[in-house]
Every structure is written in structure tokens, then in C-alpha cells.
Amino acid sequence: MVVHIVMFKFKEENKVLNIAKVQDKLEKLESKIDVLKTMEVGINFNESERAMDLSLYSTFESEEDLKAYAVHEEHLKVVELIKEVTVESKVVDYILDYPVE
């Protein structure tokens, strides 16, 4: 299984509204993109300077599925919105190996 984690720092202008809008659009992707197995979107409550505002945790069966998600039309629509309302993002992708029982 492939795990894809992204964290975003939002612009101050309309921050609360934009975070809610992005959360809603990201959560709707799970029903629109079949290679996206799971997605969890969380809004940060930590007030540390190091904190980001929103994170997403998503899973895929393979790296190829993650690549297909990255260029999927529905995902790209959300990416455009995110680019408009954020100032920074961080990403990590990794393979989660676990024994099959």
C-alpha cells in the first residue's frame, strides 16, 4: 500500500472559509477517483509556529495508482483551488509494508 500525506499552510485572507472549502473538495475526491482507496482530511488545532493548517492522508494500492491520481482531472481541479489559497505545502509518499494475515 502507498501512503500519500500532504500538509498545507493557508493564506490569511478568508482562511477559515478556504480551509473548509478545500476540505470539502478533497473529501469528495474519494467517490470520484477509483484508484484513491482512502482519504482522511484534518484541520489543525495546534497553534505552534511550525504547524500547518490542513493535512490529508490518503492511500493507494500502488505507486502507479498514486501517479494516476496526481493527473486525474478531478484532482487537478482541487489542486488549482489549493494553489490559489495556500502559501506552502509539504508532501511525503511512502510504501507501507505489513504482513498479510
PDB file of N, CA and C in Angstrom:
ATOM      1  N   MET A   1       0.846  -1.178   0.000  1.00  0.00           N
ATOM      2  CA  MET A   1       0.000   0.000   0.000  1.00  0.00           C
ATOM      3  C   MET A   1       0.890   1.240   0.000  1.00  0.00           C
ATOM      4  N   VAL A   2       0.488   2.247  -0.745  1.00  0.00           N
ATOM      5  CA  VAL A   2       1.207   3.516  -0.819  1.00  0.00           C
ATOM      6  C   VAL A   2       0.431   4.557  -0.010  1.00  0.00           C
ATOM      7  N   VAL A   3       1.161   5.289   0.827  1.00  0.00           N
ATOM      8  CA  VAL A   3       0.576   6.360   1.632  1.00  0.00           C
ATOM      9  C   VAL A   3       1.065   7.694   1.078  1.00  0.00           C
ATOM     10  N   HIS A   4       0.138   8.617   0.942  1.00  0.00           N
ATOM     11  CA  HIS A   4       0.407   9.961   0.412  1.00  0.00           C
ATOM     12  C   HIS A   4      -0.100  10.958   1.456  1.00  0.00           C
ATOM     13  N   ILE A   5       0.820  11.744   2.016  1.00  0.00           N
ATOM     14  CA  ILE A   5       0.458  12.739   3.030  1.00  0.00           C
ATOM     15  C   ILE A   5       0.866  14.111   2.525  1.00  0.00           C
ATOM     16  N   VAL A   6      -0.055  15.067   2.613  1.00  0.00           N
ATOM     17  CA  VAL A   6       0.236  16.445   2.224  1.00  0.00           C
ATOM     18  C   VAL A   6      -0.266  17.367   3.329  1.00  0.00           C
ATOM     19  N   MET A   7       0.534  18.383   3.637  1.00  0.00           N
ATOM     20  CA  MET A   7       0.142  19.393   4.618  1.00  0.00           C
ATOM     21  C   MET A   7       0.194  20.758   3.962  1.00  0.00           C
ATOM     22  N   PHE A   8      -0.761  21.612   4.313  1.00  0.00           N
ATOM     23  CA  PHE A   8      -0.891  22.924   3.677  1.00  0.00           C
ATOM     24  C   PHE A   8      -0.911  24.044   4.704  1.00  0.00           C
ATOM     25  N   LYS A   9      -0.287  25.153   4.346  1.00  0.00           N
ATOM     26  CA  LYS A   9      -0.381  26.402   5.099  1.00  0.00           C
ATOM     27  C   LYS A   9      -1.176  27.355   4.217  1.00  0.00           C
ATOM     28  N   PHE A  10      -2.267  27.901   4.766  1.00  0.00           N
ATOM     29  CA  PHE A  10      -3.172  28.755   4.000  1.00  0.00           C
ATOM     30  C   PHE A  10      -2.837  30.233   4.156  1.00  0.00           C
ATOM     31  N   LYS A  11      -3.193  30.998   3.127  1.00  0.00           N
ATOM     32  CA  LYS A  11      -3.099  32.450   3.203  1.00  0.00           C
ATOM     33  C   LYS A  11      -4.063  32.928   4.288  1.00  0.00           C
ATOM     34  N   GLU A  12      -3.746  34.046   4.918  1.00  0.00           N
ATOM     35  CA  GLU A  12      -4.592  34.575   5.988  1.00  0.00           C
ATOM     36  C   GLU A  12      -5.948  35.067   5.479  1.00  0.00           C
ATOM     37  N   GLU A  13      -5.988  35.601   4.267  1.00  0.00           N
ATOM     38  CA  GLU A  13      -7.235  36.126   3.718  1.00  0.00           C
ATOM     39  C   GLU A  13      -8.268  35.003   3.550  1.00  0.00           C
ATOM     40  N   ASN A  14      -9.419  35.153   4.193  1.00  0.00           N
ATOM     41  CA  ASN A  14     -10.513  34.165   4.134  1.00  0.00           C
ATOM     42  C   ASN A  14     -10.065  32.766   4.536  1.00  0.00           C
ATOM     43  N   LYS A  15      -9.148  32.682   5.468  1.00  0.00           N
ATOM     44  CA  LYS A  15      -8.508  31.419   5.833  1.00  0.00           C
ATOM     45  C   LYS A  15      -9.504  30.339   6.267  1.00  0.00           C
ATOM     46  N   VAL A  16     -10.384  30.652   7.187  1.00  0.00           N
ATOM     47  CA  VAL A  16     -11.319  29.645   7.704  1.00  0.00           C
ATOM     48  C   VAL A  16     -12.231  29.139   6.587  1.00  0.00           C
ATOM     49  N   LEU A  17     -12.751  30.043   5.791  1.00  0.00           N
ATOM     50  CA  LEU A  17     -13.619  29.663   4.681  1.00  0.00           C
ATOM     51  C   LEU A  17     -12.872  28.811   3.661  1.00  0.00           C
ATOM     52  N   ASN A  18     -11.663  29.206   3.322  1.00  0.00           N
ATOM     53  CA  ASN A  18     -10.883  28.465   2.327  1.00  0.00           C
ATOM     54  C   ASN A  18     -10.478  27.086   2.824  1.00  0.00           C
ATOM     55  N   ILE A  19     -10.153  26.967   4.099  1.00  0.00           N
ATOM     56  CA  ILE A  19      -9.826  25.651   4.654  1.00  0.00           C
ATOM     57  C   ILE A  19     -11.042  24.735   4.541  1.00  0.00           C
ATOM     58  N   ALA A  20     -12.209  25.232   4.903  1.00  0.00           N
ATOM     59  CA  ALA A  20     -13.429  24.423   4.818  1.00  0.00           C
ATOM     60  C   ALA A  20     -13.737  24.034   3.377  1.00  0.00           C
ATOM     61  N   LYS A  21     -13.549  24.951   2.459  1.00  0.00           N
ATOM     62  CA  LYS A  21     -13.813  24.689   1.040  1.00  0.00           C
ATOM     63  C   LYS A  21     -12.869  23.606   0.514  1.00  0.00           C
ATOM     64  N   VAL A  22     -11.591  23.714   0.825  1.00  0.00           N
ATOM     65  CA  VAL A  22     -10.619  22.718   0.366  1.00  0.00           C
ATOM     66  C   VAL A  22     -10.906  21.365   1.010  1.00  0.00           C
ATOM     67  N   GLN A  23     -11.211  21.358   2.296  1.00  0.00           N
ATOM     68  CA  GLN A  23     -11.540  20.097   2.963  1.00  0.00           C
ATOM     69  C   GLN A  23     -12.705  19.409   2.252  1.00  0.00           C
ATOM     70  N   ASP A  24     -13.758  20.144   1.972  1.00  0.00           N
ATOM     71  CA  ASP A  24     -14.930  19.583   1.311  1.00  0.00           C
ATOM     72  C   ASP A  24     -14.564  19.010  -0.058  1.00  0.00           C
ATOM     73  N   LYS A  25     -13.837  19.762  -0.852  1.00  0.00           N
ATOM     74  CA  LYS A  25     -13.483  19.306  -2.201  1.00  0.00           C
ATOM     75  C   LYS A  25     -12.552  18.088  -2.167  1.00  0.00           C
ATOM     76  N   LEU A  26     -11.608  18.073  -1.224  1.00  0.00           N
ATOM     77  CA  LEU A  26     -10.724  16.908  -1.099  1.00  0.00           C
ATOM     78  C   LEU A  26     -11.515  15.664  -0.700  1.00  0.00           C
ATOM     79  N   GLU A  27     -12.394  15.799   0.278  1.00  0.00           N
ATOM     80  CA  GLU A  27     -13.159  14.638   0.744  1.00  0.00           C
ATOM     81  C   GLU A  27     -14.057  14.064  -0.352  1.00  0.00           C
ATOM     82  N   LYS A  28     -14.530  14.889  -1.257  1.00  0.00           N
ATOM     83  CA  LYS A  28     -15.381  14.416  -2.353  1.00  0.00           C
ATOM     84  C   LYS A  28     -14.598  13.624  -3.399  1.00  0.00           C
ATOM     85  N   LEU A  29     -13.275  13.755  -3.414  1.00  0.00           N
ATOM     86  CA  LEU A  29     -12.467  13.024  -4.400  1.00  0.00           C
ATOM     87  C   LEU A  29     -12.563  11.513  -4.220  1.00  0.00           C
ATOM     88  N   GLU A  30     -12.753  11.069  -2.993  1.00  0.00           N
ATOM     89  CA  GLU A  30     -12.783   9.623  -2.734  1.00  0.00           C
ATOM     90  C   GLU A  30     -13.885   8.931  -3.536  1.00  0.00           C
ATOM     91  N   SER A  31     -14.993   9.599  -3.762  1.00  0.00           N
ATOM     92  CA  SER A  31     -16.089   8.990  -4.537  1.00  0.00           C
ATOM     93  C   SER A  31     -15.932   9.215  -6.042  1.00  0.00           C
ATOM     94  N   LYS A  32     -14.987  10.055  -6.442  1.00  0.00           N
ATOM     95  CA  LYS A  32     -14.811  10.385  -7.858  1.00  0.00           C
ATOM     96  C   LYS A  32     -13.618   9.717  -8.517  1.00  0.00           C
ATOM     97  N   ILE A  33     -12.651   9.245  -7.710  1.00  0.00           N
ATOM     98  CA  ILE A  33     -11.420   8.693  -8.270  1.00  0.00           C
ATOM     99  C   ILE A  33     -11.248   7.275  -7.744  1.00  0.00           C
ATOM    100  N   ASP A  34     -11.396   6.300  -8.609  1.00  0.00           N
ATOM    101  CA  ASP A  34     -11.415   4.909  -8.151  1.00  0.00           C
ATOM    102  C   ASP A  34     -10.080   4.407  -7.616  1.00  0.00           C
ATOM    103  N   VAL A  35      -8.955   4.955  -8.054  1.00  0.00           N
ATOM    104  CA  VAL A  35      -7.655   4.480  -7.544  1.00  0.00           C
ATOM    105  C   VAL A  35      -7.367   5.007  -6.142  1.00  0.00           C
ATOM    106  N   LEU A  36      -8.126   5.986  -5.693  1.00  0.00           N
ATOM    107  CA  LEU A  36      -7.983   6.534  -4.346  1.00  0.00           C
ATOM    108  C   LEU A  36      -8.738   5.629  -3.383  1.00  0.00           C
ATOM    109  N   LYS A  37      -7.984   4.877  -2.575  1.00  0.00           N
ATOM    110  CA  LYS A  37      -8.609   3.888  -1.689  1.00  0.00           C
ATOM    111  C   LYS A  37      -9.210   4.532  -0.449  1.00  0.00           C
ATOM    112  N   THR A  38      -8.453   5.372   0.232  1.00  0.00           N
ATOM    113  CA  THR A  38      -8.966   6.073   1.410  1.00  0.00           C
ATOM    114  C   THR A  38      -8.394   7.476   1.449  1.00  0.00           C
ATOM    115  N   MET A  39      -9.139   8.377   2.085  1.00  0.00           N
ATOM    116  CA  MET A  39      -8.634   9.723   2.303  1.00  0.00           C
ATOM    117  C   MET A  39      -9.184  10.245   3.617  1.00  0.00           C
ATOM    118  N   GLU A  40      -8.294  10.843   4.381  1.00  0.00           N
ATOM    119  CA  GLU A  40      -8.659  11.491   5.630  1.00  0.00           C
ATOM    120  C   GLU A  40      -8.125  12.914   5.557  1.00  0.00           C
ATOM    121  N   VAL A  41      -8.984  13.896   5.827  1.00  0.00           N
ATOM    122  CA  VAL A  41      -8.588  15.297   5.791  1.00  0.00           C
ATOM    123  C   VAL A  41      -8.796  15.870   7.184  1.00  0.00           C
ATOM    124  N   GLY A  42      -7.747  16.511   7.718  1.00  0.00           N
ATOM    125  CA  GLY A  42      -7.849  17.065   9.061  1.00  0.00           C
ATOM    126  C   GLY A  42      -7.459  18.522   9.112  1.00  0.00           C
ATOM    127  N   ILE A  43      -8.209  19.268   9.935  1.00  0.00           N
ATOM    128  CA  ILE A  43      -7.914  20.678  10.157  1.00  0.00           C
ATOM    129  C   ILE A  43      -7.146  20.802  11.467  1.00  0.00           C
ATOM    130  N   ASN A  44      -6.029  21.483  11.412  1.00  0.00           N
ATOM    131  CA  ASN A  44      -5.139  21.629  12.556  1.00  0.00           C
ATOM    132  C   ASN A  44      -5.751  22.500  13.658  1.00  0.00           C
ATOM    133  N   PHE A  45      -5.453  22.134  14.917  1.00  0.00           N
ATOM    134  CA  PHE A  45      -5.819  22.986  16.044  1.00  0.00           C
ATOM    135  C   PHE A  45      -4.592  23.447  16.827  1.00  0.00           C
ATOM    136  N   ASN A  46      -3.415  22.978  16.477  1.00  0.00           N
ATOM    137  CA  ASN A  46      -2.168  23.325  17.153  1.00  0.00           C
ATOM    138  C   ASN A  46      -1.734  24.724  16.725  1.00  0.00           C
ATOM    139  N   GLU A  47      -1.414  25.575  17.676  1.00  0.00           N
ATOM    140  CA  GLU A  47      -1.066  26.963  17.357  1.00  0.00           C
ATOM    141  C   GLU A  47       0.438  27.211  17.265  1.00  0.00           C
ATOM    142  N   SER A  48       1.234  26.171  17.220  1.00  0.00           N
ATOM    143  CA  SER A  48       2.683  26.298  17.090  1.00  0.00           C
ATOM    144  C   SER A  48       3.062  26.974  15.782  1.00  0.00           C
ATOM    145  N   GLU A  49       4.167  27.703  15.788  1.00  0.00           N
ATOM    146  CA  GLU A  49       4.662  28.327  14.551  1.00  0.00           C
ATOM    147  C   GLU A  49       4.977  27.280  13.489  1.00  0.00           C
ATOM    148  N   ARG A  50       5.347  26.075  13.902  1.00  0.00           N
ATOM    149  CA  ARG A  50       5.686  25.008  12.964  1.00  0.00           C
ATOM    150  C   ARG A  50       4.467  24.357  12.342  1.00  0.00           C
ATOM    151  N   ALA A  51       3.297  24.612  12.889  1.00  0.00           N
ATOM    152  CA  ALA A  51       2.082  23.914  12.469  1.00  0.00           C
ATOM    153  C   ALA A  51       1.625  24.340  11.078  1.00  0.00           C
ATOM    154  N   MET A  52       1.065  23.388  10.381  1.00  0.00           N
ATOM    155  CA  MET A  52       0.401  23.640   9.109  1.00  0.00           C
ATOM    156  C   MET A  52      -1.101  23.707   9.401  1.00  0.00           C
ATOM    157  N   ASP A  53      -1.899  24.135   8.431  1.00  0.00           N
ATOM    158  CA  ASP A  53      -3.321  24.360   8.674  1.00  0.00           C
ATOM    159  C   ASP A  53      -4.217  23.164   8.375  1.00  0.00           C
ATOM    160  N   LEU A  54      -3.860  22.389   7.380  1.00  0.00           N
ATOM    161  CA  LEU A  54      -4.702  21.269   6.966  1.00  0.00           C
ATOM    162  C   LEU A  54      -3.794  20.156   6.457  1.00  0.00           C
ATOM    163  N   SER A  55      -4.203  18.931   6.721  1.00  0.00           N
ATOM    164  CA  SER A  55      -3.429  17.809   6.188  1.00  0.00           C
ATOM    165  C   SER A  55      -4.365  16.793   5.563  1.00  0.00           C
ATOM    166  N   LEU A  56      -3.811  16.047   4.614  1.00  0.00           N
ATOM    167  CA  LEU A  56      -4.563  14.926   4.069  1.00  0.00           C
ATOM    168  C   LEU A  56      -3.684  13.688   4.110  1.00  0.00           C
ATOM    169  N   TYR A  57      -4.326  12.585   4.396  1.00  0.00           N
ATOM    170  CA  TYR A  57      -3.692  11.272   4.457  1.00  0.00           C
ATOM    171  C   TYR A  57      -4.501  10.404   3.511  1.00  0.00           C
ATOM    172  N   SER A  58      -3.861   9.910   2.464  1.00  0.00           N
ATOM    173  CA  SER A  58      -4.580   9.080   1.506  1.00  0.00           C
ATOM    174  C   SER A  58      -3.777   7.830   1.187  1.00  0.00           C
ATOM    175  N   THR A  59      -4.482   6.800   0.733  1.00  0.00           N
ATOM    176  CA  THR A  59      -3.825   5.533   0.426  1.00  0.00           C
ATOM    177  C   THR A  59      -4.200   5.056  -0.972  1.00  0.00           C
ATOM    178  N   PHE A  60      -3.253   4.307  -1.549  1.00  0.00           N
ATOM    179  CA  PHE A  60      -3.380   3.771  -2.895  1.00  0.00           C
ATOM    180  C   PHE A  60      -2.803   2.364  -2.904  1.00  0.00           C
ATOM    181  N   GLU A  61      -3.234   1.554  -3.843  1.00  0.00           N
ATOM    182  CA  GLU A  61      -2.722   0.186  -3.960  1.00  0.00           C
ATOM    183  C   GLU A  61      -1.285   0.147  -4.458  1.00  0.00           C
ATOM    184  N   SER A  62      -0.884   1.149  -5.258  1.00  0.00           N
ATOM    185  CA  SER A  62       0.435   1.103  -5.877  1.00  0.00           C
ATOM    186  C   SER A  62       0.920   2.511  -6.204  1.00  0.00           C
ATOM    187  N   GLU A  63       2.192   2.610  -6.536  1.00  0.00           N
ATOM    188  CA  GLU A  63       2.745   3.889  -6.982  1.00  0.00           C
ATOM    189  C   GLU A  63       2.095   4.328  -8.290  1.00  0.00           C
ATOM    190  N   GLU A  64       1.756   3.384  -9.148  1.00  0.00           N
ATOM    191  CA  GLU A  64       1.096   3.706 -10.405  1.00  0.00           C
ATOM    192  C   GLU A  64      -0.273   4.342 -10.152  1.00  0.00           C
ATOM    193  N   ASP A  65      -0.984   3.833  -9.142  1.00  0.00           N
ATOM    194  CA  ASP A  65      -2.282   4.417  -8.800  1.00  0.00           C
ATOM    195  C   ASP A  65      -2.118   5.837  -8.271  1.00  0.00           C
ATOM    196  N   LEU A  66      -1.081   6.080  -7.473  1.00  0.00           N
ATOM    197  CA  LEU A  66      -0.809   7.427  -6.984  1.00  0.00           C
ATOM    198  C   LEU A  66      -0.512   8.365  -8.163  1.00  0.00           C
ATOM    199  N   LYS A  67       0.255   7.882  -9.111  1.00  0.00           N
ATOM    200  CA  LYS A  67       0.563   8.693 -10.297  1.00  0.00           C
ATOM    201  C   LYS A  67      -0.692   8.990 -11.111  1.00  0.00           C
ATOM    202  N   ALA A  68      -1.589   8.013 -11.220  1.00  0.00           N
ATOM    203  CA  ALA A  68      -2.847   8.227 -11.935  1.00  0.00           C
ATOM    204  C   ALA A  68      -3.712   9.261 -11.203  1.00  0.00           C
ATOM    205  N   TYR A  69      -3.738   9.204  -9.897  1.00  0.00           N
ATOM    206  CA  TYR A  69      -4.464  10.180  -9.079  1.00  0.00           C
ATOM    207  C   TYR A  69      -3.908  11.585  -9.300  1.00  0.00           C
ATOM    208  N   ALA A  70      -2.593  11.697  -9.348  1.00  0.00           N
ATOM    209  CA  ALA A  70      -1.943  13.002  -9.473  1.00  0.00           C
ATOM    210  C   ALA A  70      -2.361  13.750 -10.730  1.00  0.00           C
ATOM    211  N   VAL A  71      -2.670  13.028 -11.800  1.00  0.00           N
ATOM    212  CA  VAL A  71      -3.033  13.673 -13.059  1.00  0.00           C
ATOM    213  C   VAL A  71      -4.531  13.565 -13.384  1.00  0.00           C
ATOM    214  N   HIS A  72      -5.291  13.017 -12.458  1.00  0.00           N
ATOM    215  CA  HIS A  72      -6.731  12.862 -12.671  1.00  0.00           C
ATOM    216  C   HIS A  72      -7.398  14.239 -12.732  1.00  0.00           C
ATOM    217  N   GLU A  73      -8.313  14.399 -13.672  1.00  0.00           N
ATOM    218  CA  GLU A  73      -8.979  15.682 -13.895  1.00  0.00           C
ATOM    219  C   GLU A  73      -9.629  16.246 -12.622  1.00  0.00           C
ATOM    220  N   GLU A  74     -10.295  15.416 -11.842  1.00  0.00           N
ATOM    221  CA  GLU A  74     -10.960  15.891 -10.616  1.00  0.00           C
ATOM    222  C   GLU A  74      -9.943  16.352  -9.574  1.00  0.00           C
ATOM    223  N   HIS A  75      -8.838  15.643  -9.476  1.00  0.00           N
ATOM    224  CA  HIS A  75      -7.780  16.041  -8.546  1.00  0.00           C
ATOM    225  C   HIS A  75      -7.166  17.365  -8.982  1.00  0.00           C
ATOM    226  N   LEU A  76      -6.918  17.527 -10.260  1.00  0.00           N
ATOM    227  CA  LEU A  76      -6.298  18.752 -10.764  1.00  0.00           C
ATOM    228  C   LEU A  76      -7.172  19.985 -10.524  1.00  0.00           C
ATOM    229  N   LYS A  77      -8.493  19.814 -10.534  1.00  0.00           N
ATOM    230  CA  LYS A  77      -9.396  20.919 -10.209  1.00  0.00           C
ATOM    231  C   LYS A  77      -9.170  21.392  -8.774  1.00  0.00           C
ATOM    232  N   VAL A  78      -9.007  20.454  -7.864  1.00  0.00           N
ATOM    233  CA  VAL A  78      -8.778  20.803  -6.456  1.00  0.00           C
ATOM    234  C   VAL A  78      -7.388  21.418  -6.294  1.00  0.00           C
ATOM    235  N   VAL A  79      -6.418  20.906  -7.018  1.00  0.00           N
ATOM    236  CA  VAL A  79      -5.063  21.457  -6.960  1.00  0.00           C
ATOM    237  C   VAL A  79      -5.065  22.930  -7.351  1.00  0.00           C
ATOM    238  N   GLU A  80      -5.826  23.287  -8.364  1.00  0.00           N
ATOM    239  CA  GLU A  80      -5.898  24.692  -8.783  1.00  0.00           C
ATOM    240  C   GLU A  80      -6.434  25.573  -7.673  1.00  0.00           C
ATOM    241  N   LEU A  81      -7.485  25.131  -6.995  1.00  0.00           N
ATOM    242  CA  LEU A  81      -8.022  25.881  -5.861  1.00  0.00           C
ATOM    243  C   LEU A  81      -6.977  25.991  -4.757  1.00  0.00           C
ATOM    244  N   ILE A  82      -6.322  24.891  -4.442  1.00  0.00           N
ATOM    245  CA  ILE A  82      -5.316  24.878  -3.377  1.00  0.00           C
ATOM    246  C   ILE A  82      -4.195  25.871  -3.681  1.00  0.00           C
ATOM    247  N   LYS A  83      -3.753  25.915  -4.913  1.00  0.00           N
ATOM    248  CA  LYS A  83      -2.693  26.850  -5.299  1.00  0.00           C
ATOM    249  C   LYS A  83      -3.112  28.299  -5.078  1.00  0.00           C
ATOM    250  N   GLU A  84      -4.392  28.594  -5.254  1.00  0.00           N
ATOM    251  CA  GLU A  84      -4.895  29.956  -5.084  1.00  0.00           C
ATOM    252  C   GLU A  84      -4.947  30.388  -3.617  1.00  0.00           C
ATOM    253  N   VAL A  85      -5.184  29.439  -2.702  1.00  0.00           N
ATOM    254  CA  VAL A  85      -5.479  29.814  -1.314  1.00  0.00           C
ATOM    255  C   VAL A  85      -4.397  29.428  -0.309  1.00  0.00           C
ATOM    256  N   THR A  86      -3.314  28.806  -0.770  1.00  0.00           N
ATOM    257  CA  THR A  86      -2.252  28.400   0.151  1.00  0.00           C
ATOM    258  C   THR A  86      -0.947  29.129  -0.163  1.00  0.00           C
ATOM    259  N   VAL A  87      -0.066  29.129   0.837  1.00  0.00           N
ATOM    260  CA  VAL A  87       1.260  29.730   0.663  1.00  0.00           C
ATOM    261  C   VAL A  87       2.362  28.684   0.707  1.00  0.00           C
ATOM    262  N   GLU A  88       2.034  27.497   1.202  1.00  0.00           N
ATOM    263  CA  GLU A  88       3.064  26.470   1.343  1.00  0.00           C
ATOM    264  C   GLU A  88       2.410  25.100   1.458  1.00  0.00           C
ATOM    265  N   SER A  89       3.123  24.092   0.972  1.00  0.00           N
ATOM    266  CA  SER A  89       2.687  22.712   1.175  1.00  0.00           C
ATOM    267  C   SER A  89       3.910  21.820   1.320  1.00  0.00           C
ATOM    268  N   LYS A  90       3.717  20.714   1.993  1.00  0.00           N
ATOM    269  CA  LYS A  90       4.747  19.696   2.189  1.00  0.00           C
ATOM    270  C   LYS A  90       4.122  18.348   1.866  1.00  0.00           C
ATOM    271  N   VAL A  91       4.916  17.448   1.318  1.00  0.00           N
ATOM    272  CA  VAL A  91       4.393  16.141   0.940  1.00  0.00           C
ATOM    273  C   VAL A  91       5.371  15.045   1.338  1.00  0.00           C
ATOM    274  N   VAL A  92       4.817  13.885   1.642  1.00  0.00           N
ATOM    275  CA  VAL A  92       5.618  12.681   1.825  1.00  0.00           C
ATOM    276  C   VAL A  92       4.815  11.509   1.266  1.00  0.00           C
ATOM    277  N   ASP A  93       5.493  10.657   0.520  1.00  0.00           N
ATOM    278  CA  ASP A  93       4.905   9.444  -0.042  1.00  0.00           C
ATOM    279  C   ASP A  93       5.777   8.277   0.391  1.00  0.00           C
ATOM    280  N   TYR A  94       5.143   7.203   0.831  1.00  0.00           N
ATOM    281  CA  TYR A  94       5.927   6.038   1.229  1.00  0.00           C
ATOM    282  C   TYR A  94       5.122   4.764   1.035  1.00  0.00           C
ATOM    283  N   ILE A  95       5.857   3.673   0.997  1.00  0.00           N
ATOM    284  CA  ILE A  95       5.231   2.358   0.864  1.00  0.00           C
ATOM    285  C   ILE A  95       5.094   1.764   2.252  1.00  0.00           C
ATOM    286  N   LEU A  96       3.880   1.370   2.577  1.00  0.00           N
ATOM    287  CA  LEU A  96       3.609   0.763   3.865  1.00  0.00           C
ATOM    288  C   LEU A  96       3.557  -0.748   3.659  1.00  0.00           C
ATOM    289  N   ASP A  97       4.583  -1.426   4.147  1.00  0.00           N
ATOM    290  CA  ASP A  97       4.638  -2.882   4.068  1.00  0.00           C
ATOM    291  C   ASP A  97       4.181  -3.458   5.399  1.00  0.00           C
ATOM    292  N   TYR A  98       3.244  -4.359   5.337  1.00  0.00           N
ATOM    293  CA  TYR A  98       2.791  -5.015   6.545  1.00  0.00           C
ATOM    294  C   TYR A  98       2.459  -6.460   6.189  1.00  0.00           C
ATOM    295  N   PRO A  99       2.614  -7.333   7.133  1.00  0.00           N
ATOM    296  CA  PRO A  99       2.380  -8.754   6.847  1.00  0.00           C
ATOM    297  C   PRO A  99       0.882  -9.025   6.594  1.00  0.00           C
ATOM    298  N   VAL A 100       0.617  -9.902   5.642  1.00  0.00           N
ATOM    299  CA  VAL A 100      -0.749 -10.322   5.362  1.00  0.00           C
ATOM    300  C   VAL A 100      -1.060 -11.487   6.279  1.00  0.00           C
ATOM    301  N   GLU A 101      -2.148 -11.379   6.995  1.00  0.00           N
ATOM    302  CA  GLU A 101      -2.507 -12.439   7.939  1.00  0.00           C
ATOM    303  C   GLU A 101      -3.512 -13.393   7.352  1.00  0.00           C
TER     304      GLU A 101
END
